[in-house]
PDB file of all heavy atoms in Angstrom:
ATOM      1  N   LEU A   1     103.062  81.384 109.297  1.00  0.00           N
ATOM      2  CA  LEU A   1     102.076  81.965 108.398  1.00  0.00           C
ATOM      3  C   LEU A   1     101.484  83.228 109.000  1.00  0.00           C
ATOM      4  O   LEU A   1     101.298  84.237 108.314  1.00  0.00           O
ATOM      5  CB  LEU A   1     100.969  80.954 108.087  1.00  0.00           C
ATOM      6  CG  LEU A   1      99.833  81.453 107.192  1.00  0.00           C
ATOM      7  CD1 LEU A   1     100.367  81.914 105.840  1.00  0.00           C
ATOM      8  CD2 LEU A   1      98.791  80.367 107.017  1.00  0.00           C
ATOM      9  N   GLU A   2     101.214  83.192 110.288  1.00  0.00           N
ATOM     10  CA  GLU A   2     100.664  84.367 110.969  1.00  0.00           C
ATOM     11  C   GLU A   2     101.628  85.552 110.873  1.00  0.00           C
ATOM     12  O   GLU A   2     101.223  86.676 110.551  1.00  0.00           O
ATOM     13  CB  GLU A   2     100.395  84.029 112.437  1.00  0.00           C
ATOM     14  CG  GLU A   2      99.711  85.131 113.196  1.00  0.00           C
ATOM     15  CD  GLU A   2      99.393  84.718 114.622  1.00  0.00           C
ATOM     16  OE1 GLU A   2      98.831  83.622 114.829  1.00  0.00           O
ATOM     17  OE2 GLU A   2      99.709  85.503 115.537  1.00  0.00           O
ATOM     18  N   THR A   3     102.906  85.303 111.112  1.00  0.00           N
ATOM     19  CA  THR A   3     103.908  86.369 111.066  1.00  0.00           C
ATOM     20  C   THR A   3     104.051  86.928 109.645  1.00  0.00           C
ATOM     21  O   THR A   3     104.076  88.141 109.447  1.00  0.00           O
ATOM     22  CB  THR A   3     105.276  85.860 111.570  1.00  0.00           C
ATOM     23  OG1 THR A   3     105.114  85.386 112.904  1.00  0.00           O
ATOM     24  CG2 THR A   3     106.327  86.941 111.518  1.00  0.00           C
ATOM     25  N   VAL A   4     104.146  86.032 108.669  1.00  0.00           N
ATOM     26  CA  VAL A   4     104.301  86.470 107.280  1.00  0.00           C
ATOM     27  C   VAL A   4     103.068  87.243 106.827  1.00  0.00           C
ATOM     28  O   VAL A   4     103.185  88.298 106.189  1.00  0.00           O
ATOM     29  CB  VAL A   4     104.592  85.270 106.348  1.00  0.00           C
ATOM     30  CG1 VAL A   4     104.527  85.683 104.887  1.00  0.00           C
ATOM     31  CG2 VAL A   4     105.949  84.656 106.664  1.00  0.00           C
ATOM     32  N   ALA A   5     101.888  86.748 107.167  1.00  0.00           N
ATOM     33  CA  ALA A   5     100.648  87.423 106.764  1.00  0.00           C
ATOM     34  C   ALA A   5     100.557  88.821 107.378  1.00  0.00           C
ATOM     35  O   ALA A   5     100.211  89.787 106.688  1.00  0.00           O
ATOM     36  CB  ALA A   5      99.439  86.585 107.160  1.00  0.00           C
ATOM     37  N   GLU A   6     100.877  88.939 108.666  1.00  0.00           N
ATOM     38  CA  GLU A   6     100.833  90.256 109.315  1.00  0.00           C
ATOM     39  C   GLU A   6     101.823  91.219 108.672  1.00  0.00           C
ATOM     40  O   GLU A   6     101.486  92.379 108.408  1.00  0.00           O
ATOM     41  CB  GLU A   6     101.150  90.119 110.807  1.00  0.00           C
ATOM     42  CG  GLU A   6     100.029  89.540 111.627  1.00  0.00           C
ATOM     43  CD  GLU A   6     100.422  89.312 113.086  1.00  0.00           C
ATOM     44  OE1 GLU A   6     101.551  89.694 113.492  1.00  0.00           O
ATOM     45  OE2 GLU A   6      99.595  88.743 113.818  1.00  0.00           O
ATOM     46  N   THR A   7     103.028  90.743 108.422  1.00  0.00           N
ATOM     47  CA  THR A   7     104.053  91.596 107.805  1.00  0.00           C
ATOM     48  C   THR A   7     103.622  92.007 106.407  1.00  0.00           C
ATOM     49  O   THR A   7     103.763  93.166 106.020  1.00  0.00           O
ATOM     50  CB  THR A   7     105.408  90.868 107.756  1.00  0.00           C
ATOM     51  OG1 THR A   7     105.756  90.464 109.084  1.00  0.00           O
ATOM     52  CG2 THR A   7     106.490  91.761 107.194  1.00  0.00           C
ATOM     53  N   PHE A   8     103.082  91.056 105.645  1.00  0.00           N
ATOM     54  CA  PHE A   8     102.628  91.360 104.288  1.00  0.00           C
ATOM     55  C   PHE A   8     101.529  92.416 104.319  1.00  0.00           C
ATOM     56  O   PHE A   8     101.590  93.404 103.586  1.00  0.00           O
ATOM     57  CB  PHE A   8     102.136  90.096 103.584  1.00  0.00           C
ATOM     58  CG  PHE A   8     101.603  90.368 102.209  1.00  0.00           C
ATOM     59  CD1 PHE A   8     102.476  90.534 101.146  1.00  0.00           C
ATOM     60  CD2 PHE A   8     100.249  90.496 101.975  1.00  0.00           C
ATOM     61  CE1 PHE A   8     101.998  90.814  99.866  1.00  0.00           C
ATOM     62  CE2 PHE A   8      99.760  90.771 100.713  1.00  0.00           C
ATOM     63  CZ  PHE A   8     100.641  90.930  99.656  1.00  0.00           C
ATOM     64  N   VAL A   9     100.531  92.230 105.166  1.00  0.00           N
ATOM     65  CA  VAL A   9      99.387  93.153 105.216  1.00  0.00           C
ATOM     66  C   VAL A   9      99.818  94.539 105.686  1.00  0.00           C
ATOM     67  O   VAL A   9      99.370  95.553 105.155  1.00  0.00           O
ATOM     68  CB  VAL A   9      98.259  92.583 106.108  1.00  0.00           C
ATOM     69  CG1 VAL A   9      97.199  93.628 106.405  1.00  0.00           C
ATOM     70  CG2 VAL A   9      97.629  91.371 105.439  1.00  0.00           C
ATOM     71  N   GLU A  10     100.711  94.586 106.675  1.00  0.00           N
ATOM     72  CA  GLU A  10     101.116  95.876 107.242  1.00  0.00           C
ATOM     73  C   GLU A  10     102.138  96.624 106.393  1.00  0.00           C
ATOM     74  O   GLU A  10     102.121  97.857 106.359  1.00  0.00           O
ATOM     75  CB  GLU A  10     101.694  95.664 108.648  1.00  0.00           C
ATOM     76  CG  GLU A  10     100.667  95.224 109.668  1.00  0.00           C
ATOM     77  CD  GLU A  10     101.284  94.811 110.998  1.00  0.00           C
ATOM     78  OE1 GLU A  10     102.519  94.943 111.171  1.00  0.00           O
ATOM     79  OE2 GLU A  10     100.526  94.341 111.859  1.00  0.00           O
ATOM     80  N   GLN A  11     103.030  95.907 105.701  1.00  0.00           N
ATOM     81  CA  GLN A  11     104.124  96.593 105.022  1.00  0.00           C
ATOM     82  C   GLN A  11     104.126  96.425 103.510  1.00  0.00           C
ATOM     83  O   GLN A  11     104.238  97.402 102.782  1.00  0.00           O
ATOM     84  CB  GLN A  11     105.461  96.095 105.585  1.00  0.00           C
ATOM     85  CG  GLN A  11     105.646  96.443 107.035  1.00  0.00           C
ATOM     86  CD  GLN A  11     106.977  95.944 107.576  1.00  0.00           C
ATOM     87  OE1 GLN A  11     107.881  95.601 106.835  1.00  0.00           O
ATOM     88  NE2 GLN A  11     107.093  95.903 108.879  1.00  0.00           N
ATOM     89  N   THR A  12     104.030  95.197 103.044  1.00  0.00           N
ATOM     90  CA  THR A  12     104.191  94.933 101.615  1.00  0.00           C
ATOM     91  C   THR A  12     102.950  95.306 100.815  1.00  0.00           C
ATOM     92  O   THR A  12     103.043  95.959  99.777  1.00  0.00           O
ATOM     93  CB  THR A  12     104.535  93.451 101.385  1.00  0.00           C
ATOM     94  OG1 THR A  12     105.644  93.108 102.219  1.00  0.00           O
ATOM     95  CG2 THR A  12     104.898  93.186  99.943  1.00  0.00           C
ATOM     96  N   LYS A  13     101.791  94.910 101.301  1.00  0.00           N
ATOM     97  CA  LYS A  13     100.543  95.157 100.581  1.00  0.00           C
ATOM     98  C   LYS A  13     100.310  96.640 100.303  1.00  0.00           C
ATOM     99  O   LYS A  13      99.957  96.995  99.169  1.00  0.00           O
ATOM    100  CB  LYS A  13      99.372  94.545 101.349  1.00  0.00           C
ATOM    101  CG  LYS A  13      98.053  94.676 100.626  1.00  0.00           C
ATOM    102  CD  LYS A  13      96.925  94.049 101.418  1.00  0.00           C
ATOM    103  CE  LYS A  13      95.608  94.272 100.694  1.00  0.00           C
ATOM    104  NZ  LYS A  13      94.473  93.867 101.505  1.00  0.00           N
ATOM    105  N   PRO A  14     100.491  97.542 101.283  1.00  0.00           N
ATOM    106  CA  PRO A  14     100.284  98.966 100.974  1.00  0.00           C
ATOM    107  C   PRO A  14     101.207  99.474  99.860  1.00  0.00           C
ATOM    108  O   PRO A  14     100.767 100.259  99.012  1.00  0.00           O
ATOM    109  CB  PRO A  14     100.586  99.667 102.302  1.00  0.00           C
ATOM    110  CG  PRO A  14     100.349  98.638 103.348  1.00  0.00           C
ATOM    111  CD  PRO A  14     100.744  97.336 102.716  1.00  0.00           C
ATOM    112  N   ASP A  15     102.454  99.009  99.853  1.00  0.00           N
ATOM    113  CA  ASP A  15     103.374  99.421  98.785  1.00  0.00           C
ATOM    114  C   ASP A  15     102.889  98.921  97.429  1.00  0.00           C
ATOM    115  O   ASP A  15     102.904  99.664  96.440  1.00  0.00           O
ATOM    116  CB  ASP A  15     104.787  98.886  99.050  1.00  0.00           C
ATOM    117  CG  ASP A  15     105.453  99.540 100.244  1.00  0.00           C
ATOM    118  OD1 ASP A  15     104.984 100.609 100.688  1.00  0.00           O
ATOM    119  OD2 ASP A  15     106.456  98.981 100.737  1.00  0.00           O
ATOM    120  N   LEU A  16     102.449  97.665  97.384  1.00  0.00           N
ATOM    121  CA  LEU A  16     101.967  97.103  96.122  1.00  0.00           C
ATOM    122  C   LEU A  16     100.673  97.775  95.675  1.00  0.00           C
ATOM    123  O   LEU A  16     100.462  97.983  94.475  1.00  0.00           O
ATOM    124  CB  LEU A  16     101.763  95.593  96.257  1.00  0.00           C
ATOM    125  CG  LEU A  16     103.026  94.765  96.495  1.00  0.00           C
ATOM    126  CD1 LEU A  16     102.662  93.305  96.702  1.00  0.00           C
ATOM    127  CD2 LEU A  16     104.021  94.915  95.352  1.00  0.00           C
ATOM    128  N   GLU A  17      99.811  98.114  96.628  1.00  0.00           N
ATOM    129  CA  GLU A  17      98.565  98.816  96.272  1.00  0.00           C
ATOM    130  C   GLU A  17      98.852 100.179  95.662  1.00  0.00           C
ATOM    131  O   GLU A  17      98.178 100.592  94.714  1.00  0.00           O
ATOM    132  CB  GLU A  17      97.660  98.951  97.500  1.00  0.00           C
ATOM    133  CG  GLU A  17      96.999  97.650  97.897  1.00  0.00           C
ATOM    134  CD  GLU A  17      96.200  97.737  99.175  1.00  0.00           C
ATOM    135  OE1 GLU A  17      96.504  98.608 100.026  1.00  0.00           O
ATOM    136  OE2 GLU A  17      95.273  96.925  99.333  1.00  0.00           O
ATOM    137  N   LEU A  18      99.855 100.882  96.205  1.00  0.00           N
ATOM    138  CA  LEU A  18     100.228 102.180  95.623  1.00  0.00           C
ATOM    139  C   LEU A  18     100.720 102.024  94.185  1.00  0.00           C
ATOM    140  O   LEU A  18     100.362 102.814  93.304  1.00  0.00           O
ATOM    141  CB  LEU A  18     101.316 102.847  96.469  1.00  0.00           C
ATOM    142  CG  LEU A  18     100.859 103.457  97.781  1.00  0.00           C
ATOM    143  CD1 LEU A  18     102.067 103.936  98.599  1.00  0.00           C
ATOM    144  CD2 LEU A  18      99.908 104.613  97.530  1.00  0.00           C
ATOM    145  N   ILE A  19     101.523 100.999  93.946  1.00  0.00           N
ATOM    146  CA  ILE A  19     102.019 100.746  92.588  1.00  0.00           C
ATOM    147  C   ILE A  19     100.840 100.423  91.667  1.00  0.00           C
ATOM    148  O   ILE A  19     100.732 100.960  90.556  1.00  0.00           O
ATOM    149  CB  ILE A  19     103.045  99.595  92.577  1.00  0.00           C
ATOM    150  CG1 ILE A  19     104.278  99.947  93.417  1.00  0.00           C
ATOM    151  CG2 ILE A  19     103.462  99.256  91.144  1.00  0.00           C
ATOM    152  CD1 ILE A  19     105.192  98.755  93.710  1.00  0.00           C
ATOM    153  N   ALA A  20      99.937  99.549  92.125  1.00  0.00           N
ATOM    154  CA  ALA A  20      98.781  99.162  91.309  1.00  0.00           C
ATOM    155  C   ALA A  20      97.891 100.362  91.009  1.00  0.00           C
ATOM    156  O   ALA A  20      97.392 100.511  89.892  1.00  0.00           O
ATOM    157  CB  ALA A  20      97.984  98.069  92.018  1.00  0.00           C
ATOM    158  N   GLN A  21      97.696 101.236  92.006  1.00  0.00           N
ATOM    159  CA  GLN A  21      96.883 102.442  91.786  1.00  0.00           C
ATOM    160  C   GLN A  21      97.565 103.380  90.802  1.00  0.00           C
ATOM    161  O   GLN A  21      96.926 103.916  89.899  1.00  0.00           O
ATOM    162  CB  GLN A  21      96.659 103.175  93.104  1.00  0.00           C
ATOM    163  CG  GLN A  21      95.567 102.606  93.951  1.00  0.00           C
ATOM    164  CD  GLN A  21      95.402 103.396  95.245  1.00  0.00           C
ATOM    165  OE1 GLN A  21      96.351 103.990  95.748  1.00  0.00           O
ATOM    166  NE2 GLN A  21      94.202 103.392  95.776  1.00  0.00           N
ATOM    167  N   GLU A  22      98.847 103.591  91.012  1.00  0.00           N
ATOM    168  CA  GLU A  22      99.579 104.524  90.155  1.00  0.00           C
ATOM    169  C   GLU A  22      99.570 104.064  88.704  1.00  0.00           C
ATOM    170  O   GLU A  22      99.517 104.870  87.784  1.00  0.00           O
ATOM    171  CB  GLU A  22     101.012 104.677  90.662  1.00  0.00           C
ATOM    172  CG  GLU A  22     101.756 105.821  90.028  1.00  0.00           C
ATOM    173  CD  GLU A  22     103.007 106.204  90.789  1.00  0.00           C
ATOM    174  OE1 GLU A  22     103.181 105.772  91.941  1.00  0.00           O
ATOM    175  OE2 GLU A  22     103.809 106.939  90.209  1.00  0.00           O
ATOM    176  N   CYS A  23      99.611 102.747  88.506  1.00  0.00           N
ATOM    177  CA  CYS A  23      99.651 102.200  87.145  1.00  0.00           C
ATOM    178  C   CYS A  23      98.272 101.756  86.659  1.00  0.00           C
ATOM    179  O   CYS A  23      98.157 101.208  85.567  1.00  0.00           O
ATOM    180  CB  CYS A  23     100.623 101.028  87.090  1.00  0.00           C
ATOM    181  SG  CYS A  23     102.323 101.510  87.466  1.00  0.00           S
ATOM    182  N   ASP A  24      97.226 101.973  87.488  1.00  0.00           N
ATOM    183  CA  ASP A  24      95.855 101.601  87.149  1.00  0.00           C
ATOM    184  C   ASP A  24      95.777 100.141  86.693  1.00  0.00           C
ATOM    185  O   ASP A  24      95.249  99.821  85.629  1.00  0.00           O
ATOM    186  CB  ASP A  24      95.290 102.542  86.076  1.00  0.00           C
ATOM    187  CG  ASP A  24      93.785 102.400  85.937  1.00  0.00           C
ATOM    188  OD1 ASP A  24      93.130 102.007  86.919  1.00  0.00           O
ATOM    189  OD2 ASP A  24      93.267 102.676  84.836  1.00  0.00           O
ATOM    190  N   ASP A  25      96.354  99.253  87.522  1.00  0.00           N
ATOM    191  CA  ASP A  25      96.406  97.825  87.208  1.00  0.00           C
ATOM    192  C   ASP A  25      96.128  97.023  88.476  1.00  0.00           C
ATOM    193  O   ASP A  25      97.049  96.640  89.195  1.00  0.00           O
ATOM    194  CB  ASP A  25      97.774  97.461  86.630  1.00  0.00           C
ATOM    195  CG  ASP A  25      97.863  96.014  86.186  1.00  0.00           C
ATOM    196  OD1 ASP A  25      96.885  95.259  86.351  1.00  0.00           O
ATOM    197  OD2 ASP A  25      98.926  95.627  85.677  1.00  0.00           O
ATOM    198  N   PRO A  26      94.853  96.740  88.791  1.00  0.00           N
ATOM    199  CA  PRO A  26      94.526  96.034  90.028  1.00  0.00           C
ATOM    200  C   PRO A  26      95.113  94.624  90.100  1.00  0.00           C
ATOM    201  O   PRO A  26      95.357  94.110  91.182  1.00  0.00           O
ATOM    202  CB  PRO A  26      92.996  95.987  90.032  1.00  0.00           C
ATOM    203  CG  PRO A  26      92.526  96.630  88.804  1.00  0.00           C
ATOM    204  CD  PRO A  26      93.690  97.121  88.024  1.00  0.00           C
ATOM    205  N   GLN A  27      95.338  93.991  88.977  1.00  0.00           N
ATOM    206  CA  GLN A  27      95.880  92.623  88.958  1.00  0.00           C
ATOM    207  C   GLN A  27      97.367  92.600  89.290  1.00  0.00           C
ATOM    208  O   GLN A  27      97.913  91.573  89.656  1.00  0.00           O
ATOM    209  CB  GLN A  27      95.635  91.992  87.583  1.00  0.00           C
ATOM    210  CG  GLN A  27      96.021  90.542  87.476  1.00  0.00           C
ATOM    211  CD  GLN A  27      95.239  89.638  88.429  1.00  0.00           C
ATOM    212  OE1 GLN A  27      94.068  89.879  88.711  1.00  0.00           O
ATOM    213  NE2 GLN A  27      95.889  88.611  88.933  1.00  0.00           N
ATOM    214  N   LEU A  28      98.002  93.754  89.231  1.00  0.00           N
ATOM    215  CA  LEU A  28      99.441  93.851  89.446  1.00  0.00           C
ATOM    216  C   LEU A  28      99.861  93.282  90.796  1.00  0.00           C
ATOM    217  O   LEU A  28     100.862  92.573  90.891  1.00  0.00           O
ATOM    218  CB  LEU A  28      99.866  95.317  89.349  1.00  0.00           C
ATOM    219  CG  LEU A  28     101.341  95.609  89.361  1.00  0.00           C
ATOM    220  CD1 LEU A  28     101.629  96.727  88.390  1.00  0.00           C
ATOM    221  CD2 LEU A  28     101.825  95.992  90.734  1.00  0.00           C
ATOM    222  N   MET A  29      99.088  93.531  91.842  1.00  0.00           N
ATOM    223  CA  MET A  29      99.460  93.082  93.180  1.00  0.00           C
ATOM    224  C   MET A  29      99.471  91.559  93.249  1.00  0.00           C
ATOM    225  O   MET A  29     100.420  90.963  93.758  1.00  0.00           O
ATOM    226  CB  MET A  29      98.525  93.658  94.240  1.00  0.00           C
ATOM    227  CG  MET A  29      99.038  93.435  95.643  1.00  0.00           C
ATOM    228  SD  MET A  29      98.170  94.396  96.860  1.00  0.00           S
ATOM    229  CE  MET A  29      96.763  93.359  97.144  1.00  0.00           C
ATOM    230  N   ALA A  30      98.434  90.907  92.749  1.00  0.00           N
ATOM    231  CA  ALA A  30      98.367  89.447  92.786  1.00  0.00           C
ATOM    232  C   ALA A  30      99.483  88.841  91.941  1.00  0.00           C
ATOM    233  O   ALA A  30     100.126  87.864  92.352  1.00  0.00           O
ATOM    234  CB  ALA A  30      97.007  88.969  92.286  1.00  0.00           C
ATOM    235  N   ASP A  31      99.720  89.406  90.772  1.00  0.00           N
ATOM    236  CA  ASP A  31     100.782  88.891  89.902  1.00  0.00           C
ATOM    237  C   ASP A  31     102.151  89.043  90.552  1.00  0.00           C
ATOM    238  O   ASP A  31     102.980  88.130  90.495  1.00  0.00           O
ATOM    239  CB  ASP A  31     100.772  89.611  88.547  1.00  0.00           C
ATOM    240  CG  ASP A  31      99.541  89.285  87.725  1.00  0.00           C
ATOM    241  OD1 ASP A  31      98.840  88.302  88.039  1.00  0.00           O
ATOM    242  OD2 ASP A  31      99.269  90.031  86.767  1.00  0.00           O
ATOM    243  N   ALA A  32     102.393  90.186  91.192  1.00  0.00           N
ATOM    244  CA  ALA A  32     103.687  90.428  91.833  1.00  0.00           C
ATOM    245  C   ALA A  32     103.912  89.446  92.973  1.00  0.00           C
ATOM    246  O   ALA A  32     105.018  88.918  93.145  1.00  0.00           O
ATOM    247  CB  ALA A  32     103.769  91.872  92.342  1.00  0.00           C
ATOM    248  N   PHE A  33     102.865  89.159  93.761  1.00  0.00           N
ATOM    249  CA  PHE A  33     103.011  88.234  94.882  1.00  0.00           C
ATOM    250  C   PHE A  33     103.252  86.817  94.380  1.00  0.00           C
ATOM    251  O   PHE A  33     104.107  86.099  94.905  1.00  0.00           O
ATOM    252  CB  PHE A  33     101.788  88.297  95.801  1.00  0.00           C
ATOM    253  CG  PHE A  33     102.004  87.604  97.119  1.00  0.00           C
ATOM    254  CD1 PHE A  33     103.089  87.919  97.917  1.00  0.00           C
ATOM    255  CD2 PHE A  33     101.125  86.642  97.561  1.00  0.00           C
ATOM    256  CE1 PHE A  33     103.297  87.290  99.142  1.00  0.00           C
ATOM    257  CE2 PHE A  33     101.314  86.013  98.781  1.00  0.00           C
ATOM    258  CZ  PHE A  33     102.401  86.328  99.566  1.00  0.00           C
ATOM    259  N   SER A  34     102.524  86.409  93.346  1.00  0.00           N
ATOM    260  CA  SER A  34     102.739  85.079  92.764  1.00  0.00           C
ATOM    261  C   SER A  34     104.157  84.944  92.216  1.00  0.00           C
ATOM    262  O   SER A  34     104.817  83.922  92.420  1.00  0.00           O
ATOM    263  CB  SER A  34     101.731  84.814  91.635  1.00  0.00           C
ATOM    264  OG  SER A  34     100.429  84.757  92.155  1.00  0.00           O
ATOM    265  N   ASP A  35     104.626  85.970  91.532  1.00  0.00           N
ATOM    266  CA  ASP A  35     105.998  85.945  90.996  1.00  0.00           C
ATOM    267  C   ASP A  35     107.016  85.865  92.120  1.00  0.00           C
ATOM    268  O   ASP A  35     108.006  85.142  92.020  1.00  0.00           O
ATOM    269  CB  ASP A  35     106.266  87.184  90.137  1.00  0.00           C
ATOM    270  CG  ASP A  35     105.490  87.185  88.837  1.00  0.00           C
ATOM    271  OD1 ASP A  35     104.975  86.115  88.441  1.00  0.00           O
ATOM    272  OD2 ASP A  35     105.393  88.263  88.214  1.00  0.00           O
ATOM    273  N   PHE A  36     106.785  86.604  93.205  1.00  0.00           N
ATOM    274  CA  PHE A  36     107.684  86.564  94.359  1.00  0.00           C
ATOM    275  C   PHE A  36     107.750  85.156  94.936  1.00  0.00           C
ATOM    276  O   PHE A  36     108.831  84.622  95.175  1.00  0.00           O
ATOM    277  CB  PHE A  36     107.223  87.559  95.423  1.00  0.00           C
ATOM    278  CG  PHE A  36     107.923  87.396  96.742  1.00  0.00           C
ATOM    279  CD1 PHE A  36     109.235  87.822  96.900  1.00  0.00           C
ATOM    280  CD2 PHE A  36     107.280  86.816  97.825  1.00  0.00           C
ATOM    281  CE1 PHE A  36     109.891  87.670  98.113  1.00  0.00           C
ATOM    282  CE2 PHE A  36     107.922  86.665  99.037  1.00  0.00           C
ATOM    283  CZ  PHE A  36     109.230  87.087  99.185  1.00  0.00           C
ATOM    284  N   LEU A  37     106.581  84.545  95.157  1.00  0.00           N
ATOM    285  CA  LEU A  37     106.556  83.189  95.718  1.00  0.00           C
ATOM    286  C   LEU A  37     107.238  82.191  94.795  1.00  0.00           C
ATOM    287  O   LEU A  37     107.978  81.321  95.250  1.00  0.00           O
ATOM    288  CB  LEU A  37     105.107  82.761  95.985  1.00  0.00           C
ATOM    289  CG  LEU A  37     104.402  83.500  97.117  1.00  0.00           C
ATOM    290  CD1 LEU A  37     102.922  83.128  97.143  1.00  0.00           C
ATOM    291  CD2 LEU A  37     105.061  83.203  98.457  1.00  0.00           C
TER     292      LEU A  37
END
């Protein structure tokens, strides 16, 4: 969990935040992560 969380915060989350900002959809990040899981 520690490894996955660090990787997510450092690499995946910034990419998803950029997508959410570009599309003006803050819920997009949570939905994308839930769909991935």
